[in-house]
C-alpha atoms as a PDB file:
ATOM      1  CA  UNK A   1       0.000   0.000   0.000  1.00  0.00           C
ATOM      2  CA  UNK A   2       1.465   3.364  -1.075  1.00  0.00           C
ATOM      3  CA  UNK A   3       0.566   6.702   0.482  1.00  0.00           C
ATOM      4  CA  UNK A   4       0.322  10.055  -1.254  1.00  0.00           C
ATOM      5  CA  UNK A   5       0.009  13.709  -0.239  1.00  0.00           C
ATOM      6  CA  UNK A   6      -1.372  16.679  -2.136  1.00  0.00           C
ATOM      7  CA  UNK A   7      -2.155  20.362  -1.684  1.00  0.00           C
ATOM      8  CA  UNK A   8      -3.482  23.124  -3.901  1.00  0.00           C
ATOM      9  CA  UNK A   9      -2.129  26.623  -4.548  1.00  0.00           C
ATOM     10  CA  UNK A  10      -4.357  29.673  -4.959  1.00  0.00           C
ATOM     11  CA  UNK A  11      -2.990  32.771  -6.684  1.00  0.00           C
ATOM     12  CA  UNK A  12      -4.580  36.232  -6.611  1.00  0.00           C
ATOM     13  CA  UNK A  13      -3.497  39.853  -6.675  1.00  0.00           C
ATOM     14  CA  UNK A  14       0.089  38.755  -7.303  1.00  0.00           C
ATOM     15  CA  UNK A  15       0.238  36.524  -4.242  1.00  0.00           C
ATOM     16  CA  UNK A  16      -0.226  32.826  -3.529  1.00  0.00           C
ATOM     17  CA  UNK A  17      -1.660  30.787  -0.727  1.00  0.00           C
ATOM     18  CA  UNK A  18      -1.544  27.043  -0.178  1.00  0.00           C
ATOM     19  CA  UNK A  19      -4.398  24.860   0.909  1.00  0.00           C
ATOM     20  CA  UNK A  20      -4.158  22.282   3.608  1.00  0.00           C
ATOM     21  CA  UNK A  21      -2.389  19.041   2.695  1.00  0.00           C
ATOM     22  CA  UNK A  22      -4.471  15.945   2.184  1.00  0.00           C
ATOM     23  CA  UNK A  23      -3.167  12.376   2.409  1.00  0.00           C
ATOM     24  CA  UNK A  24      -4.405   9.124   0.990  1.00  0.00           C
ATOM     25  CA  UNK A  25      -3.366   5.579   0.281  1.00  0.00           C
ATOM     26  CA  UNK A  26      -3.359   3.531  -2.875  1.00  0.00           C
ATOM     27  CA  UNK A  27      -4.387  -0.045  -2.194  1.00  0.00           C
ATOM     28  CA  UNK A  28      -2.638  -2.475  -4.531  1.00  0.00           C
ATOM     29  CA  UNK A  29      -4.851  -5.048  -6.203  1.00  0.00           C
ATOM     30  CA  UNK A  30      -1.932  -7.512  -6.483  1.00  0.00           C
ATOM     31  CA  UNK A  31      -0.651  -9.395  -3.447  1.00  0.00           C
ATOM     32  CA  UNK A  32       2.277 -11.822  -3.315  1.00  0.00           C
ATOM     33  CA  UNK A  33       3.494 -14.722  -1.209  1.00  0.00           C
ATOM     34  CA  UNK A  34       6.566 -16.946  -1.337  1.00  0.00           C
ATOM     35  CA  UNK A  35       6.949 -20.447   0.117  1.00  0.00           C
ATOM     36  CA  UNK A  36       9.872 -22.858   0.399  1.00  0.00           C
ATOM     37  CA  UNK A  37       8.545 -26.383  -0.126  1.00  0.00           C
ATOM     38  CA  UNK A  38      11.386 -27.856   1.973  1.00  0.00           C
ATOM     39  CA  UNK A  39      12.360 -26.162   5.225  1.00  0.00           C
ATOM     40  CA  UNK A  40      15.931 -27.513   5.486  1.00  0.00           C
ATOM     41  CA  UNK A  41      18.916 -27.688   3.162  1.00  0.00           C
ATOM     42  CA  UNK A  42      22.213 -29.477   2.780  1.00  0.00           C
ATOM     43  CA  UNK A  43      25.163 -29.221   0.389  1.00  0.00           C
ATOM     44  CA  UNK A  44      24.161 -29.746  -3.246  1.00  0.00           C
ATOM     45  CA  UNK A  45      20.511 -30.418  -2.464  1.00  0.00           C
ATOM     46  CA  UNK A  46      17.513 -29.178  -4.432  1.00  0.00           C
ATOM     47  CA  UNK A  47      15.105 -26.627  -2.961  1.00  0.00           C
ATOM     48  CA  UNK A  48      11.708 -25.930  -4.522  1.00  0.00           C
ATOM     49  CA  UNK A  49       9.993 -22.559  -4.243  1.00  0.00           C
ATOM     50  CA  UNK A  50       6.489 -21.302  -4.953  1.00  0.00           C
ATOM     51  CA  UNK A  51       5.649 -17.648  -5.628  1.00  0.00           C
ATOM     52  CA  UNK A  52       1.920 -16.916  -5.590  1.00  0.00           C
ATOM     53  CA  UNK A  53       0.367 -13.737  -7.018  1.00  0.00           C
ATOM     54  CA  UNK A  54      -3.293 -12.782  -6.600  1.00  0.00           C
ATOM     55  CA  UNK A  55      -5.070 -10.013  -8.528  1.00  0.00           C
ATOM     56  CA  UNK A  56      -8.125  -8.898  -6.564  1.00  0.00           C
ATOM     57  CA  UNK A  57      -8.870  -5.999  -8.899  1.00  0.00           C
ATOM     58  CA  UNK A  58     -11.575  -5.629 -11.579  1.00  0.00           C
ATOM     59  CA  UNK A  59      -9.039  -5.413 -14.428  1.00  0.00           C
ATOM     60  CA  UNK A  60      -6.268  -7.667 -15.689  1.00  0.00           C
ATOM     61  CA  UNK A  61      -2.704  -6.914 -14.619  1.00  0.00           C
ATOM     62  CA  UNK A  62      -0.134  -7.396 -17.372  1.00  0.00           C
ATOM     63  CA  UNK A  63       3.608  -7.268 -17.789  1.00  0.00           C
ATOM     64  CA  UNK A  64       4.665  -8.285 -14.281  1.00  0.00           C
ATOM     65  CA  UNK A  65       8.267  -9.305 -13.572  1.00  0.00           C
ATOM     66  CA  UNK A  66       9.345 -11.535 -10.682  1.00  0.00           C
ATOM     67  CA  UNK A  67      13.016 -11.289  -9.690  1.00  0.00           C
ATOM     68  CA  UNK A  68      14.463 -13.770  -7.181  1.00  0.00           C
ATOM     69  CA  UNK A  69      17.789 -12.837  -5.566  1.00  0.00           C
ATOM     70  CA  UNK A  70      18.634 -16.541  -4.945  1.00  0.00           C
ATOM     71  CA  UNK A  71      19.630 -15.764  -1.373  1.00  0.00           C
ATOM     72  CA  UNK A  72      22.303 -13.195  -2.258  1.00  0.00           C
ATOM     73  CA  UNK A  73      24.478 -11.901   0.586  1.00  0.00           C
ATOM     74  CA  UNK A  74      27.595  -9.743   0.836  1.00  0.00           C
ATOM     75  CA  UNK A  75      30.999 -10.866   2.148  1.00  0.00           C
ATOM     76  CA  UNK A  76      34.162  -8.816   1.734  1.00  0.00           C
ATOM     77  CA  UNK A  77      32.749  -6.808  -1.140  1.00  0.00           C
ATOM     78  CA  UNK A  78      31.580  -9.945  -2.965  1.00  0.00           C
ATOM     79  CA  UNK A  79      27.962 -10.766  -3.746  1.00  0.00           C
ATOM     80  CA  UNK A  80      27.495 -14.475  -3.135  1.00  0.00           C
ATOM     81  CA  UNK A  81      24.587 -16.640  -4.258  1.00  0.00           C
ATOM     82  CA  UNK A  82      23.873 -19.728  -2.119  1.00  0.00           C
ATOM     83  CA  UNK A  83      21.247 -20.885  -4.611  1.00  0.00           C
ATOM     84  CA  UNK A  84      21.304 -21.419  -8.375  1.00  0.00           C
ATOM     85  CA  UNK A  85      18.229 -21.756 -10.598  1.00  0.00           C
ATOM     86  CA  UNK A  86      17.883 -25.200 -12.175  1.00  0.00           C
ATOM     87  CA  UNK A  87      17.351 -24.689 -15.880  1.00  0.00           C
ATOM     88  CA  UNK A  88      13.944 -25.399 -17.433  1.00  0.00           C
ATOM     89  CA  UNK A  89      12.246 -26.140 -14.115  1.00  0.00           C
ATOM     90  CA  UNK A  90      10.027 -23.050 -13.872  1.00  0.00           C
ATOM     91  CA  UNK A  91       6.312 -23.631 -14.355  1.00  0.00           C
ATOM     92  CA  UNK A  92       3.660 -20.918 -14.534  1.00  0.00           C
ATOM     93  CA  UNK A  93       0.037 -21.592 -13.609  1.00  0.00           C
ATOM     94  CA  UNK A  94      -2.706 -19.045 -14.295  1.00  0.00           C
ATOM     95  CA  UNK A  95      -5.886 -19.777 -12.361  1.00  0.00           C
ATOM     96  CA  UNK A  96      -4.543 -23.286 -11.813  1.00  0.00           C
ATOM     97  CA  UNK A  97      -3.877 -23.991 -15.507  1.00  0.00           C
ATOM     98  CA  UNK A  98      -0.317 -24.687 -16.663  1.00  0.00           C
ATOM     99  CA  UNK A  99       0.861 -22.071 -19.170  1.00  0.00           C
ATOM    100  CA  UNK A 100       3.600 -22.038 -21.801  1.00  0.00           C
ATOM    101  CA  UNK A 101       6.944 -21.275 -20.191  1.00  0.00           C
ATOM    102  CA  UNK A 102       7.445 -17.523 -19.721  1.00  0.00           C
ATOM    103  CA  UNK A 103      10.700 -15.704 -20.439  1.00  0.00           C
ATOM    104  CA  UNK A 104      13.254 -16.763 -17.816  1.00  0.00           C
ATOM    105  CA  UNK A 105      16.711 -15.317 -17.165  1.00  0.00           C
ATOM    106  CA  UNK A 106      18.628 -17.742 -14.951  1.00  0.00           C
ATOM    107  CA  UNK A 107      20.899 -15.043 -13.552  1.00  0.00           C
ATOM    108  CA  UNK A 108      21.795 -14.778 -10.783  1.00  0.00           C
ATOM    109  CA  UNK A 109      19.475 -13.165  -9.940  1.00  0.00           C
ATOM    110  CA  UNK A 110      16.626 -15.162 -11.485  1.00  0.00           C
ATOM    111  CA  UNK A 111      14.140 -13.051 -13.471  1.00  0.00           C
ATOM    112  CA  UNK A 112      10.765 -14.093 -14.911  1.00  0.00           C
ATOM    113  CA  UNK A 113       9.074 -11.559 -17.197  1.00  0.00           C
ATOM    114  CA  UNK A 114       5.785 -11.127 -19.024  1.00  0.00           C
ATOM    115  CA  UNK A 115       3.419 -12.442 -16.357  1.00  0.00           C
ATOM    116  CA  UNK A 116      -0.237 -11.530 -16.878  1.00  0.00           C
ATOM    117  CA  UNK A 117      -2.989 -12.086 -14.297  1.00  0.00           C
ATOM    118  CA  UNK A 118      -6.653 -11.852 -15.251  1.00  0.00           C
ATOM    119  CA  UNK A 119      -9.099  -9.828 -13.175  1.00  0.00           C
ATOM    120  CA  UNK A 120      -9.829 -11.675  -9.952  1.00  0.00           C
ATOM    121  CA  UNK A 121      -7.295 -14.312 -10.921  1.00  0.00           C
ATOM    122  CA  UNK A 122      -4.021 -15.760  -9.728  1.00  0.00           C
ATOM    123  CA  UNK A 123      -0.580 -16.678 -11.004  1.00  0.00           C
ATOM    124  CA  UNK A 124       1.658 -19.290  -9.392  1.00  0.00           C
ATOM    125  CA  UNK A 125       5.339 -19.800 -10.221  1.00  0.00           C
ATOM    126  CA  UNK A 126       6.974 -23.075  -9.208  1.00  0.00           C
ATOM    127  CA  UNK A 127      10.707 -23.594  -9.703  1.00  0.00           C
ATOM    128  CA  UNK A 128      13.736 -25.521  -8.463  1.00  0.00           C
ATOM    129  CA  UNK A 129      17.059 -24.253  -7.157  1.00  0.00           C
ATOM    130  CA  UNK A 130      20.257 -26.026  -6.222  1.00  0.00           C
ATOM    131  CA  UNK A 131      22.296 -25.298  -3.091  1.00  0.00           C
ATOM    132  CA  UNK A 132      25.714 -23.977  -4.188  1.00  0.00           C
ATOM    133  CA  UNK A 133      29.161 -23.956  -2.599  1.00  0.00           C
ATOM    134  CA  UNK A 134      28.386 -20.440  -1.307  1.00  0.00           C
ATOM    135  CA  UNK A 135      25.704 -21.741   1.069  1.00  0.00           C
ATOM    136  CA  UNK A 136      26.726 -21.688   4.755  1.00  0.00           C
ATOM    137  CA  UNK A 137      26.484 -25.135   6.346  1.00  0.00           C
ATOM    138  CA  UNK A 138      27.432 -24.528   9.979  1.00  0.00           C
ATOM    139  CA  UNK A 139      24.703 -25.293  12.552  1.00  0.00           C
ATOM    140  CA  UNK A 140      21.756 -22.880  12.585  1.00  0.00           C
ATOM    141  CA  UNK A 141      22.780 -21.244   9.302  1.00  0.00           C
ATOM    142  CA  UNK A 142      19.986 -20.025   7.034  1.00  0.00           C
ATOM    143  CA  UNK A 143      19.318 -19.039   3.449  1.00  0.00           C
ATOM    144  CA  UNK A 144      16.804 -16.237   2.990  1.00  0.00           C
ATOM    145  CA  UNK A 145      15.872 -15.550  -0.576  1.00  0.00           C
ATOM    146  CA  UNK A 146      13.632 -12.722  -1.670  1.00  0.00           C
ATOM    147  CA  UNK A 147      11.408 -12.314  -4.695  1.00  0.00           C
ATOM    148  CA  UNK A 148      10.461  -8.822  -5.870  1.00  0.00           C
ATOM    149  CA  UNK A 149       7.447  -8.217  -8.105  1.00  0.00           C
ATOM    150  CA  UNK A 150       7.523  -5.152 -10.383  1.00  0.00           C
ATOM    151  CA  UNK A 151       5.719  -3.772 -13.436  1.00  0.00           C
ATOM    152  CA  UNK A 152       2.068  -4.221 -14.248  1.00  0.00           C
ATOM    153  CA  UNK A 153       1.239  -0.734 -13.018  1.00  0.00           C
ATOM    154  CA  UNK A 154       2.262  -1.471  -9.424  1.00  0.00           C
ATOM    155  CA  UNK A 155       2.854   1.756  -7.528  1.00  0.00           C
ATOM    156  CA  UNK A 156       5.594   0.114  -5.419  1.00  0.00           C
ATOM    157  CA  UNK A 157       7.411  -3.208  -5.831  1.00  0.00           C
ATOM    158  CA  UNK A 158       6.100  -6.170  -3.839  1.00  0.00           C
ATOM    159  CA  UNK A 159       8.734  -8.042  -1.837  1.00  0.00           C
ATOM    160  CA  UNK A 160       8.287 -11.545  -0.370  1.00  0.00           C
ATOM    161  CA  UNK A 161      10.865 -13.823   1.273  1.00  0.00           C
ATOM    162  CA  UNK A 162      11.305 -17.409   2.406  1.00  0.00           C
ATOM    163  CA  UNK A 163      13.903 -18.703   4.859  1.00  0.00           C
ATOM    164  CA  UNK A 164      15.259 -22.245   5.156  1.00  0.00           C
ATOM    165  CA  UNK A 165      17.743 -23.571   7.709  1.00  0.00           C
ATOM    166  CA  UNK A 166      20.502 -26.136   7.625  1.00  0.00           C
ATOM    167  CA  UNK A 167      19.917 -29.824   8.185  1.00  0.00           C
ATOM    168  CA  UNK A 168      21.614 -30.074  11.564  1.00  0.00           C
ATOM    169  CA  UNK A 169      22.666 -33.703  11.963  1.00  0.00           C
ATOM    170  CA  UNK A 170      25.614 -36.052  11.815  1.00  0.00           C
ATOM    171  CA  UNK A 171      26.454 -37.680   8.458  1.00  0.00           C
ATOM    172  CA  UNK A 172      28.702 -40.697   8.973  1.00  0.00           C
ATOM    173  CA  UNK A 173      30.696 -42.928   6.673  1.00  0.00           C
ATOM    174  CA  UNK A 174      33.194 -45.690   7.459  1.00  0.00           C
ATOM    175  CA  UNK A 175      36.267 -47.161   5.807  1.00  0.00           C
ATOM    176  CA  UNK A 176      38.176 -50.311   6.751  1.00  0.00           C
ATOM    177  CA  UNK A 177      41.795 -51.364   6.232  1.00  0.00           C
ATOM    178  CA  UNK A 178      43.723 -54.536   7.091  1.00  0.00           C
ATOM    179  CA  UNK A 179      47.404 -54.986   7.858  1.00  0.00           C
ATOM    180  CA  UNK A 180      49.266 -56.949   6.750  1.00  0.00           C
ATOM    181  CA  UNK A 181      47.522 -57.947   3.558  1.00  0.00           C
ATOM    182  CA  UNK A 182      49.435 -61.236   3.507  1.00  0.00           C
ATOM    183  CA  UNK A 183      49.687 -63.052   6.839  1.00  0.00           C
ATOM    184  CA  UNK A 184      50.795 -66.448   8.149  1.00  0.00           C
ATOM    185  CA  UNK A 185      48.113 -68.972   9.181  1.00  0.00           C
ATOM    186  CA  UNK A 186      48.632 -68.195  12.853  1.00  0.00           C
ATOM    187  CA  UNK A 187      49.810 -64.623  12.403  1.00  0.00           C
ATOM    188  CA  UNK A 188      48.482 -61.359  13.753  1.00  0.00           C
ATOM    189  CA  UNK A 189      46.036 -59.119  11.902  1.00  0.00           C
ATOM    190  CA  UNK A 190      45.113 -55.496  12.544  1.00  0.00           C
ATOM    191  CA  UNK A 191      41.879 -53.985  11.309  1.00  0.00           C
ATOM    192  CA  UNK A 192      41.641 -50.188  11.226  1.00  0.00           C
ATOM    193  CA  UNK A 193      38.290 -48.413  10.942  1.00  0.00           C
ATOM    194  CA  UNK A 194      37.997 -44.697  10.234  1.00  0.00           C
ATOM    195  CA  UNK A 195      34.594 -43.156  10.854  1.00  0.00           C
ATOM    196  CA  UNK A 196      34.057 -39.784   9.143  1.00  0.00           C
ATOM    197  CA  UNK A 197      31.410 -37.205   9.991  1.00  0.00           C
ATOM    198  CA  UNK A 198      30.646 -34.672   7.255  1.00  0.00           C
ATOM    199  CA  UNK A 199      27.574 -33.411   9.131  1.00  0.00           C
ATOM    200  CA  UNK A 200      27.444 -30.215  11.136  1.00  0.00           C
ATOM    201  CA  UNK A 201      26.620 -31.831  14.483  1.00  0.00           C
ATOM    202  CA  UNK A 202      28.502 -34.359  16.594  1.00  0.00           C
ATOM    203  CA  UNK A 203      27.588 -38.030  16.587  1.00  0.00           C
ATOM    204  CA  UNK A 204      27.191 -38.137  20.355  1.00  0.00           C
ATOM    205  CA  UNK A 205      26.742 -40.987  22.826  1.00  0.00           C
ATOM    206  CA  UNK A 206      22.979 -40.461  22.657  1.00  0.00           C
ATOM    207  CA  UNK A 207      23.083 -41.302  18.935  1.00  0.00           C
ATOM    208  CA  UNK A 208      24.065 -44.881  19.899  1.00  0.00           C
ATOM    209  CA  UNK A 209      26.582 -45.423  17.096  1.00  0.00           C
ATOM    210  CA  UNK A 210      27.451 -49.141  16.851  1.00  0.00           C
ATOM    211  CA  UNK A 211      30.251 -50.722  14.817  1.00  0.00           C
ATOM    212  CA  UNK A 212      29.870 -54.421  14.094  1.00  0.00           C
ATOM    213  CA  UNK A 213      32.004 -56.867  12.146  1.00  0.00           C
ATOM    214  CA  UNK A 214      32.355 -60.625  11.863  1.00  0.00           C
ATOM    215  CA  UNK A 215      36.011 -61.522  11.499  1.00  0.00           C
ATOM    216  CA  UNK A 216      36.888 -64.253   9.024  1.00  0.00           C
ATOM    217  CA  UNK A 217      39.345 -65.670   9.874  1.00  0.00           C
ATOM    218  CA  UNK A 218      38.332 -65.557  13.540  1.00  0.00           C
ATOM    219  CA  UNK A 219      40.759 -63.660  15.782  1.00  0.00           C
ATOM    220  CA  UNK A 220      41.761 -64.408  19.355  1.00  0.00           C
ATOM    221  CA  UNK A 221      43.404 -62.276  22.026  1.00  0.00           C
ATOM    222  CA  UNK A 222      41.866 -59.048  20.802  1.00  0.00           C
ATOM    223  CA  UNK A 223      43.435 -55.678  21.497  1.00  0.00           C
ATOM    224  CA  UNK A 224      41.001 -52.827  20.823  1.00  0.00           C
ATOM    225  CA  UNK A 225      41.486 -49.062  20.959  1.00  0.00           C
ATOM    226  CA  UNK A 226      39.348 -46.031  20.170  1.00  0.00           C
ATOM    227  CA  UNK A 227      41.193 -42.870  19.150  1.00  0.00           C
ATOM    228  CA  UNK A 228      44.309 -44.356  20.729  1.00  0.00           C
ATOM    229  CA  UNK A 229      42.634 -45.172  24.056  1.00  0.00           C
ATOM    230  CA  UNK A 230      42.501 -48.844  25.079  1.00  0.00           C
ATOM    231  CA  UNK A 231      39.040 -50.379  25.240  1.00  0.00           C
ATOM    232  CA  UNK A 232      37.903 -53.202  27.541  1.00  0.00           C
ATOM    233  CA  UNK A 233      35.819 -56.184  26.515  1.00  0.00           C
ATOM    234  CA  UNK A 234      32.405 -56.098  28.148  1.00  0.00           C
ATOM    235  CA  UNK A 235      32.725 -52.392  28.905  1.00  0.00           C
ATOM    236  CA  UNK A 236      33.196 -50.941  25.442  1.00  0.00           C
ATOM    237  CA  UNK A 237      32.562 -53.897  23.137  1.00  0.00           C
ATOM    238  CA  UNK A 238      31.523 -57.529  22.960  1.00  0.00           C
ATOM    239  CA  UNK A 239      33.275 -60.316  21.069  1.00  0.00           C
ATOM    240  CA  UNK A 240      32.390 -63.942  20.348  1.00  0.00           C
ATOM    241  CA  UNK A 241      35.508 -66.014  19.669  1.00  0.00           C
ATOM    242  CA  UNK A 242      33.314 -68.836  18.353  1.00  0.00           C
ATOM    243  CA  UNK A 243      31.698 -66.848  15.573  1.00  0.00           C
ATOM    244  CA  UNK A 244      34.150 -63.954  15.232  1.00  0.00           C
ATOM    245  CA  UNK A 245      31.351 -61.422  15.802  1.00  0.00           C
ATOM    246  CA  UNK A 246      32.599 -58.068  17.139  1.00  0.00           C
ATOM    247  CA  UNK A 247      30.148 -55.358  18.269  1.00  0.00           C
ATOM    248  CA  UNK A 248      30.803 -52.053  20.022  1.00  0.00           C
ATOM    249  CA  UNK A 249      28.384 -51.224  22.807  1.00  0.00           C
ATOM    250  CA  UNK A 250      25.932 -48.369  22.079  1.00  0.00           C
ATOM    251  CA  UNK A 251      27.230 -44.907  22.921  1.00  0.00           C
ATOM    252  CA  UNK A 252      30.913 -45.830  23.029  1.00  0.00           C
ATOM    253  CA  UNK A 253      31.703 -44.294  19.640  1.00  0.00           C
ATOM    254  CA  UNK A 254      31.427 -40.531  19.255  1.00  0.00           C
ATOM    255  CA  UNK A 255      32.502 -38.522  16.212  1.00  0.00           C
ATOM    256  CA  UNK A 256      32.985 -34.736  16.217  1.00  0.00           C
ATOM    257  CA  UNK A 257      31.128 -32.519  13.757  1.00  0.00           C
ATOM    258  CA  UNK A 258      32.753 -31.202  10.610  1.00  0.00           C
ATOM    259  CA  UNK A 259      34.375 -27.776  10.857  1.00  0.00           C
ATOM    260  CA  UNK A 260      33.360 -25.218   8.217  1.00  0.00           C
ATOM    261  CA  UNK A 261      35.483 -22.326   6.956  1.00  0.00           C
ATOM    262  CA  UNK A 262      34.786 -19.787   4.230  1.00  0.00           C
ATOM    263  CA  UNK A 263      37.442 -19.416   1.553  1.00  0.00           C
ATOM    264  CA  UNK A 264      38.614 -16.120   0.097  1.00  0.00           C
ATOM    265  CA  UNK A 265      36.365 -16.629  -2.958  1.00  0.00           C
ATOM    266  CA  UNK A 266      33.320 -17.037  -0.712  1.00  0.00           C
ATOM    267  CA  UNK A 267      32.917 -20.804  -1.083  1.00  0.00           C
ATOM    268  CA  UNK A 268      32.647 -22.948   2.026  1.00  0.00           C
ATOM    269  CA  UNK A 269      34.994 -25.842   2.828  1.00  0.00           C
ATOM    270  CA  UNK A 270      34.374 -28.595   5.361  1.00  0.00           C
ATOM    271  CA  UNK A 271      36.970 -30.475   7.391  1.00  0.00           C
ATOM    272  CA  UNK A 272      35.211 -33.692   8.433  1.00  0.00           C
ATOM    273  CA  UNK A 273      35.309 -34.921  11.998  1.00  0.00           C
ATOM    274  CA  UNK A 274      36.918 -38.340  12.402  1.00  0.00           C
ATOM    275  CA  UNK A 275      37.199 -41.183  14.890  1.00  0.00           C
ATOM    276  CA  UNK A 276      39.329 -44.345  14.701  1.00  0.00           C
ATOM    277  CA  UNK A 277      38.815 -47.878  15.978  1.00  0.00           C
ATOM    278  CA  UNK A 278      41.796 -50.250  15.832  1.00  0.00           C
ATOM    279  CA  UNK A 279      41.454 -53.985  16.450  1.00  0.00           C
ATOM    280  CA  UNK A 280      44.365 -56.441  16.551  1.00  0.00           C
ATOM    281  CA  UNK A 281      44.302 -60.172  17.165  1.00  0.00           C
ATOM    282  CA  UNK A 282      45.883 -63.504  16.318  1.00  0.00           C
ATOM    283  CA  UNK A 283      44.298 -65.780  13.722  1.00  0.00           C
ATOM    284  CA  UNK A 284      42.527 -68.619  15.509  1.00  0.00           C
ATOM    285  CA  UNK A 285      43.935 -72.056  14.874  1.00  0.00           C
ATOM    286  CA  UNK A 286      41.615 -74.211  12.792  1.00  0.00           C
ATOM    287  CA  UNK A 287      42.778 -77.475  14.394  1.00  0.00           C
END
């Protein structure tokens, strides 16, 4: 809604006098709303957005442009875009009916032009974006992207925003190595497990991380350590020398969160958190 002021001037006998000033407001017939379909994001994921326009006026509104800033923010004099428009994904619905694709400039920023809304009608834009390397991933980070509607005789631009937050959780992977690769029938083997966390929160005791393995060949006389600290059977893990089944007890394994830093070019880099389990034992005699 835009306000206006006005006054009149009266001239006579070479002089002038002003009237009182009146004020008023222009009520826009077009309203806008923006919605993020998904409320959380992670690296490289797809986010869908919906921009809804409603024309409550008695006449059609033509020539509207919707410009989406794709979450732009400033760092060190750089304009960074945490989102990128996914080509050919934009759909335009007028009064619920899918229309031919309008003119789209991918940007950034994203711009959609030539939108017409009939009297008493609506226009809905649906499109996909991809999370870029400029998106912050540390816990409680957010992306706020704003769409601005212009043209069509609007007295002032309409601005609508949607905010999504990071997926705050642990993301674990595991790798296994054996040494030596060639061993005598009654020799000693060492298995090394590295657990990596690329998520932005710690895998804590409450997450009940459990590592299990069935050793073949079966090992005896196990020596187990976690991050260099010796573990005790029955306290930190269980082991069946008959079957070779090894299982850590819930809550014994914790893995720190990844650490995020922003590079000079504005991209974000992650240093994963890691934890190590080392298990050594002698190959059980088959006799």
